[in-house]
Amino acid sequence: MDDLNISRTSLGIHTILGIVAGYISIWLADVLFAVVAAIVILIVTGYATEFALKKKGIKWWMTNGGVLYILVWIVSWVYLFNTV
């Protein structure tokens, strides 16, 4: 795969898992638990993405999914919290 497809794959994975983390966060009893769960999911996702896509480095990982994951997680958490 070329770099553009690798970046798109990483962004897609992080977007989907950001929504999943937002859903998990609404069922946790405390905000601190929700934040810790989201960070753990982010770290696991980062390592799995680096391994699967053969890209290394925190800078690449954060720009190709990490920041988007955080934004999608917060937006989905707030949205789902207000609808449930």
N, C-alpha and C. Protein backbone atom coordinates (compact mmCIF):
# COMPACT_ATOMS: atom_id res chain seq x y z
N MET A 1 0.84 -1.18 0.00
CA MET A 1 0.00 0.00 0.00
C MET A 1 0.88 1.24 0.00
N ASP A 2 0.37 2.26 -0.63
CA ASP A 2 1.11 3.51 -0.61
C ASP A 2 0.74 4.31 0.64
N ASP A 3 1.44 5.42 0.86
CA ASP A 3 1.28 6.20 2.08
C ASP A 3 -0.13 6.78 2.25
N LEU A 4 -0.78 7.15 1.16
CA LEU A 4 -2.12 7.72 1.25
C LEU A 4 -3.12 6.67 1.75
N ASN A 5 -3.05 5.48 1.22
CA ASN A 5 -3.95 4.42 1.66
C ASN A 5 -3.67 3.99 3.10
N ILE A 6 -2.41 3.99 3.49
CA ILE A 6 -2.06 3.67 4.87
C ILE A 6 -2.64 4.71 5.82
N SER A 7 -2.53 5.98 5.45
CA SER A 7 -3.09 7.05 6.29
C SER A 7 -4.60 6.95 6.37
N ARG A 8 -5.25 6.67 5.26
CA ARG A 8 -6.72 6.53 5.26
C ARG A 8 -7.16 5.36 6.11
N THR A 9 -6.45 4.27 6.04
CA THR A 9 -6.77 3.10 6.86
C THR A 9 -6.64 3.42 8.34
N SER A 10 -5.56 4.09 8.70
CA SER A 10 -5.35 4.48 10.09
C SER A 10 -6.44 5.42 10.57
N LEU A 11 -6.82 6.39 9.76
CA LEU A 11 -7.88 7.32 10.13
C LEU A 11 -9.21 6.60 10.30
N GLY A 12 -9.51 5.66 9.43
CA GLY A 12 -10.75 4.90 9.54
C GLY A 12 -10.81 4.05 10.81
N ILE A 13 -9.71 3.39 11.12
CA ILE A 13 -9.65 2.58 12.33
C ILE A 13 -9.85 3.44 13.57
N HIS A 14 -9.15 4.56 13.62
CA HIS A 14 -9.25 5.44 14.79
C HIS A 14 -10.63 6.09 14.91
N THR A 15 -11.27 6.37 13.79
CA THR A 15 -12.61 6.94 13.84
C THR A 15 -13.61 5.94 14.40
N ILE A 16 -13.57 4.72 13.91
CA ILE A 16 -14.50 3.69 14.38
C ILE A 16 -14.27 3.41 15.87
N LEU A 17 -13.02 3.29 16.27
CA LEU A 17 -12.75 3.00 17.67
C LEU A 17 -13.02 4.21 18.57
N GLY A 18 -12.97 5.41 18.03
CA GLY A 18 -13.37 6.59 18.79
C GLY A 18 -14.86 6.56 19.12
N ILE A 19 -15.66 6.13 18.16
CA ILE A 19 -17.10 5.99 18.39
C ILE A 19 -17.37 4.88 19.40
N VAL A 20 -16.65 3.78 19.29
CA VAL A 20 -16.80 2.68 20.25
C VAL A 20 -16.41 3.15 21.66
N ALA A 21 -15.33 3.89 21.77
CA ALA A 21 -14.90 4.40 23.07
C ALA A 21 -15.91 5.38 23.64
N GLY A 22 -16.54 6.18 22.79
CA GLY A 22 -17.60 7.08 23.24
C GLY A 22 -18.78 6.32 23.78
N TYR A 23 -19.14 5.22 23.12
CA TYR A 23 -20.24 4.38 23.60
C TYR A 23 -19.90 3.72 24.92
N ILE A 24 -18.68 3.23 25.05
CA ILE A 24 -18.25 2.61 26.31
C ILE A 24 -18.23 3.65 27.43
N SER A 25 -17.85 4.87 27.12
CA SER A 25 -17.73 5.92 28.13
C SER A 25 -19.06 6.29 28.76
N ILE A 26 -20.16 6.17 28.02
CA ILE A 26 -21.44 6.55 28.62
C ILE A 26 -21.91 5.53 29.65
N TRP A 27 -21.40 4.32 29.59
CA TRP A 27 -21.83 3.29 30.53
C TRP A 27 -20.95 3.19 31.76
N LEU A 28 -19.85 3.90 31.77
CA LEU A 28 -18.98 3.88 32.95
C LEU A 28 -19.51 4.87 33.98
N ALA A 29 -19.33 4.54 35.24
CA ALA A 29 -19.97 5.30 36.32
C ALA A 29 -19.31 6.64 36.59
N ASP A 30 -18.05 6.77 36.30
CA ASP A 30 -17.31 7.98 36.66
C ASP A 30 -16.58 8.53 35.44
N VAL A 31 -16.43 9.83 35.41
CA VAL A 31 -15.73 10.48 34.30
C VAL A 31 -14.28 10.02 34.24
N LEU A 32 -13.66 9.86 35.39
CA LEU A 32 -12.26 9.42 35.43
C LEU A 32 -12.10 8.04 34.81
N PHE A 33 -13.03 7.13 35.09
CA PHE A 33 -12.97 5.79 34.48
C PHE A 33 -13.15 5.88 32.96
N ALA A 34 -14.01 6.76 32.52
CA ALA A 34 -14.25 6.91 31.08
C ALA A 34 -13.00 7.44 30.37
N VAL A 35 -12.35 8.40 30.98
CA VAL A 35 -11.13 8.97 30.38
C VAL A 35 -10.01 7.92 30.36
N VAL A 36 -9.86 7.20 31.45
CA VAL A 36 -8.83 6.16 31.51
C VAL A 36 -9.11 5.07 30.48
N ALA A 37 -10.36 4.66 30.34
CA ALA A 37 -10.71 3.64 29.35
C ALA A 37 -10.41 4.13 27.94
N ALA A 38 -10.73 5.38 27.66
CA ALA A 38 -10.47 5.94 26.32
C ALA A 38 -8.97 6.01 26.05
N ILE A 39 -8.19 6.37 27.03
CA ILE A 39 -6.73 6.44 26.84
C ILE A 39 -6.15 5.05 26.63
N VAL A 40 -6.64 4.07 27.38
CA VAL A 40 -6.16 2.70 27.19
C VAL A 40 -6.50 2.20 25.79
N ILE A 41 -7.73 2.47 25.34
CA ILE A 41 -8.12 2.06 23.99
C ILE A 41 -7.25 2.77 22.95
N LEU A 42 -6.95 4.04 23.17
CA LEU A 42 -6.09 4.79 22.25
C LEU A 42 -4.70 4.19 22.18
N ILE A 43 -4.11 3.84 23.30
CA ILE A 43 -2.75 3.28 23.32
C ILE A 43 -2.73 1.91 22.64
N VAL A 44 -3.70 1.08 22.95
CA VAL A 44 -3.77 -0.25 22.32
C VAL A 44 -3.97 -0.12 20.81
N THR A 45 -4.85 0.80 20.43
CA THR A 45 -5.10 1.04 19.00
C THR A 45 -3.84 1.54 18.31
N GLY A 46 -3.11 2.42 18.97
CA GLY A 46 -1.88 2.96 18.38
C GLY A 46 -0.85 1.88 18.13
N TYR A 47 -0.63 1.03 19.12
CA TYR A 47 0.34 -0.05 18.94
C TYR A 47 -0.12 -1.05 17.88
N ALA A 48 -1.40 -1.37 17.88
CA ALA A 48 -1.92 -2.32 16.89
C ALA A 48 -1.83 -1.73 15.47
N THR A 49 -2.12 -0.45 15.34
CA THR A 49 -2.03 0.20 14.03
C THR A 49 -0.59 0.27 13.55
N GLU A 50 0.34 0.60 14.45
CA GLU A 50 1.75 0.63 14.06
C GLU A 50 2.21 -0.75 13.61
N PHE A 51 1.78 -1.79 14.32
CA PHE A 51 2.18 -3.14 13.95
C PHE A 51 1.56 -3.57 12.63
N ALA A 52 0.29 -3.29 12.45
CA ALA A 52 -0.42 -3.75 11.25
C ALA A 52 0.01 -2.99 10.00
N LEU A 53 0.26 -1.71 10.14
CA LEU A 53 0.57 -0.89 8.97
C LEU A 53 2.06 -0.66 8.76
N LYS A 54 2.86 -1.21 9.64
CA LYS A 54 4.33 -1.13 9.54
C LYS A 54 4.85 0.31 9.53
N LYS A 55 4.21 1.17 10.30
CA LYS A 55 4.67 2.55 10.45
C LYS A 55 5.08 2.74 11.90
N LYS A 56 6.15 3.47 12.10
CA LYS A 56 6.66 3.67 13.46
C LYS A 56 6.72 5.15 13.78
N GLY A 57 6.59 5.43 15.04
CA GLY A 57 6.77 6.79 15.51
C GLY A 57 5.50 7.42 16.05
N ILE A 58 5.63 8.09 17.17
CA ILE A 58 4.49 8.72 17.81
C ILE A 58 3.97 9.89 16.98
N LYS A 59 4.86 10.59 16.28
CA LYS A 59 4.43 11.73 15.47
C LYS A 59 3.52 11.27 14.33
N TRP A 60 3.90 10.21 13.64
CA TRP A 60 3.06 9.70 12.55
C TRP A 60 1.74 9.20 13.10
N TRP A 61 1.80 8.49 14.20
CA TRP A 61 0.60 7.90 14.76
C TRP A 61 -0.40 8.96 15.24
N MET A 62 0.07 9.99 15.91
CA MET A 62 -0.83 11.03 16.41
C MET A 62 -1.42 11.86 15.28
N THR A 63 -0.68 12.12 14.23
CA THR A 63 -1.22 12.91 13.13
C THR A 63 -2.11 12.09 12.21
N ASN A 64 -1.94 10.79 12.20
CA ASN A 64 -2.74 9.93 11.33
C ASN A 64 -3.73 9.08 12.11
N GLY A 65 -4.33 9.66 13.12
CA GLY A 65 -5.38 8.94 13.83
C GLY A 65 -5.56 9.33 15.27
N GLY A 66 -4.50 9.63 15.97
CA GLY A 66 -4.59 9.91 17.40
C GLY A 66 -5.43 11.13 17.73
N VAL A 67 -5.21 12.21 17.04
CA VAL A 67 -5.97 13.44 17.28
C VAL A 67 -7.42 13.25 16.86
N LEU A 68 -7.63 12.60 15.73
CA LEU A 68 -9.00 12.33 15.27
C LEU A 68 -9.73 11.43 16.24
N TYR A 69 -9.06 10.44 16.80
CA TYR A 69 -9.66 9.54 17.78
C TYR A 69 -10.17 10.35 18.99
N ILE A 70 -9.35 11.24 19.50
CA ILE A 70 -9.73 12.04 20.67
C ILE A 70 -10.94 12.91 20.35
N LEU A 71 -10.95 13.55 19.21
CA LEU A 71 -12.08 14.39 18.83
C LEU A 71 -13.36 13.59 18.63
N VAL A 72 -13.26 12.46 17.94
CA VAL A 72 -14.44 11.63 17.70
C VAL A 72 -14.94 11.04 19.01
N TRP A 73 -14.03 10.64 19.89
CA TRP A 73 -14.44 10.10 21.18
C TRP A 73 -15.21 11.13 21.99
N ILE A 74 -14.71 12.35 22.09
CA ILE A 74 -15.38 13.38 22.87
C ILE A 74 -16.75 13.72 22.27
N VAL A 75 -16.81 13.90 20.95
CA VAL A 75 -18.08 14.25 20.31
C VAL A 75 -19.09 13.11 20.46
N SER A 76 -18.67 11.88 20.24
CA SER A 76 -19.62 10.77 20.37
C SER A 76 -20.03 10.55 21.82
N TRP A 77 -19.14 10.75 22.76
CA TRP A 77 -19.46 10.62 24.17
C TRP A 77 -20.52 11.64 24.57
N VAL A 78 -20.32 12.89 24.21
CA VAL A 78 -21.28 13.94 24.54
C VAL A 78 -22.62 13.69 23.85
N TYR A 79 -22.58 13.34 22.58
CA TYR A 79 -23.81 13.08 21.83
C TYR A 79 -24.60 11.91 22.43
N LEU A 80 -23.91 10.79 22.66
CA LEU A 80 -24.59 9.62 23.19
C LEU A 80 -25.04 9.84 24.63
N PHE A 81 -24.28 10.58 25.41
CA PHE A 81 -24.67 10.87 26.79
C PHE A 81 -25.95 11.69 26.83
N ASN A 82 -26.13 12.59 25.90
CA ASN A 82 -27.31 13.43 25.88
C ASN A 82 -28.52 12.74 25.25
N THR A 83 -28.31 11.68 24.50
CA THR A 83 -29.44 10.99 23.88
C THR A 83 -29.91 9.79 24.66
N VAL A 84 -29.08 9.27 25.54
CA VAL A 84 -29.47 8.06 26.31
C VAL A 84 -30.09 8.46 27.61
